[in-house]
Amino acid sequence: MDKKKKIAIIAAACAAVVAIIVAVICIVGGNSDPFKDLPVQGIAAGEYHTSVLYADGTVATVGGKNDLLSYECAQWTDVQSIAAGSDFTAVILNNGFVQTTSAFQGNTTFWRNITAIAAGPDHLVGLCEDGTVVATGNSLNTAKYAVEDWTDIVAVAAGEKYTAGLKSDGTVVLAGALNGDVSELENITAIAGGYTHLVALTEKGKVKVIGDTSADYVDVDWSGVKSVSAGKEITVGIKKNGNVLIAGDNKLGRCFVEDWSDCIAVSCGLYHTTAVKSNGKLLSTQVLSGNENNLVGQDDVASLQK
């Protein structure tokens, strides 16, 4: 074999190696953060309010029974994650500390190195970077705070009377009261807490729900789902194509999402459902009510758009 042929073979081999490396990078890149480069980095719906996290680390809120909620959220900077309970919003700061609006009755002062949070109606759960879990809230249903022995946790969820943790092996642990057995859950990749039910997503995109089996928001048969959310008597899933699936009580129009597409995140309030599209656009169902106590502007996400 002459020298020119040897050089050509070596060059072709190098090009093939480079092509493989590029392909791997592209595959890995395809699993990147869906919020990357968007002005909106998260959305959280409480009973009567909606909070949005922006790329600059600030938070804005509409709705709520108290004007103080919106004001307090506006004071935050350096926020990396957001969650909402019935009447409060909670955030993780870039330093791993957690702060909440003043309506929250728990104490997160001594929480450190928090990587994820989940809010129930009246309690907050924090996932620590070492895989342990902390929980705090009001003094009711204290069994849901018994998480101090949990280890190897990769995600958390919270309901009215329970706290759930997803372990790295795809199984789920529970503290508190939930109608159903989480021991049947296997190969789970994500969990979401409703008031009285727990939603789990399997690695194959199937949705499993633990709760009152007579409820339509528990008896779902969904597949091809990439993420899940839950609220009071409602279960939500985002399909891999971005369309939204929803089951449950259509309180004041919160299930009217049939026209939604290309969504990357969904959050459920008591009377409204909110979402973020892949282009950063915010969506919300309109609260259909003649009762001013139910309509306080929580669905006015257009005012939060950046």
Foldseek 3Di string as FASTA:
>chain_A
DDPVVVVVVVVVVVVVVVVVVVVVVVVVVVPDDLCPPAQWDDWEAAQFKIKTAGPQAAIAMFTAPDPQQRVVSRPTGQFDDWYDANHKIKTQHPQRAIDMRPVADWDRPPGGQFDDWEDENFKIKTAHPQAAIAIIGDPPLCQQGPRRPGGQFDDWEDAQNKIKTAHPQQAIDITGDAQFDSRPTGQWDDWYYEHRKIWTAHPQAFIAMGHDPVQFQHPDTDGQFDDWYYYHQKIWTQHPQRQIDIDGDCAQNQRPRRPGTQWDDWYDYSQKIWTAHSNGDIAMTDRHDPDVVSHRGNRVCVVVGD
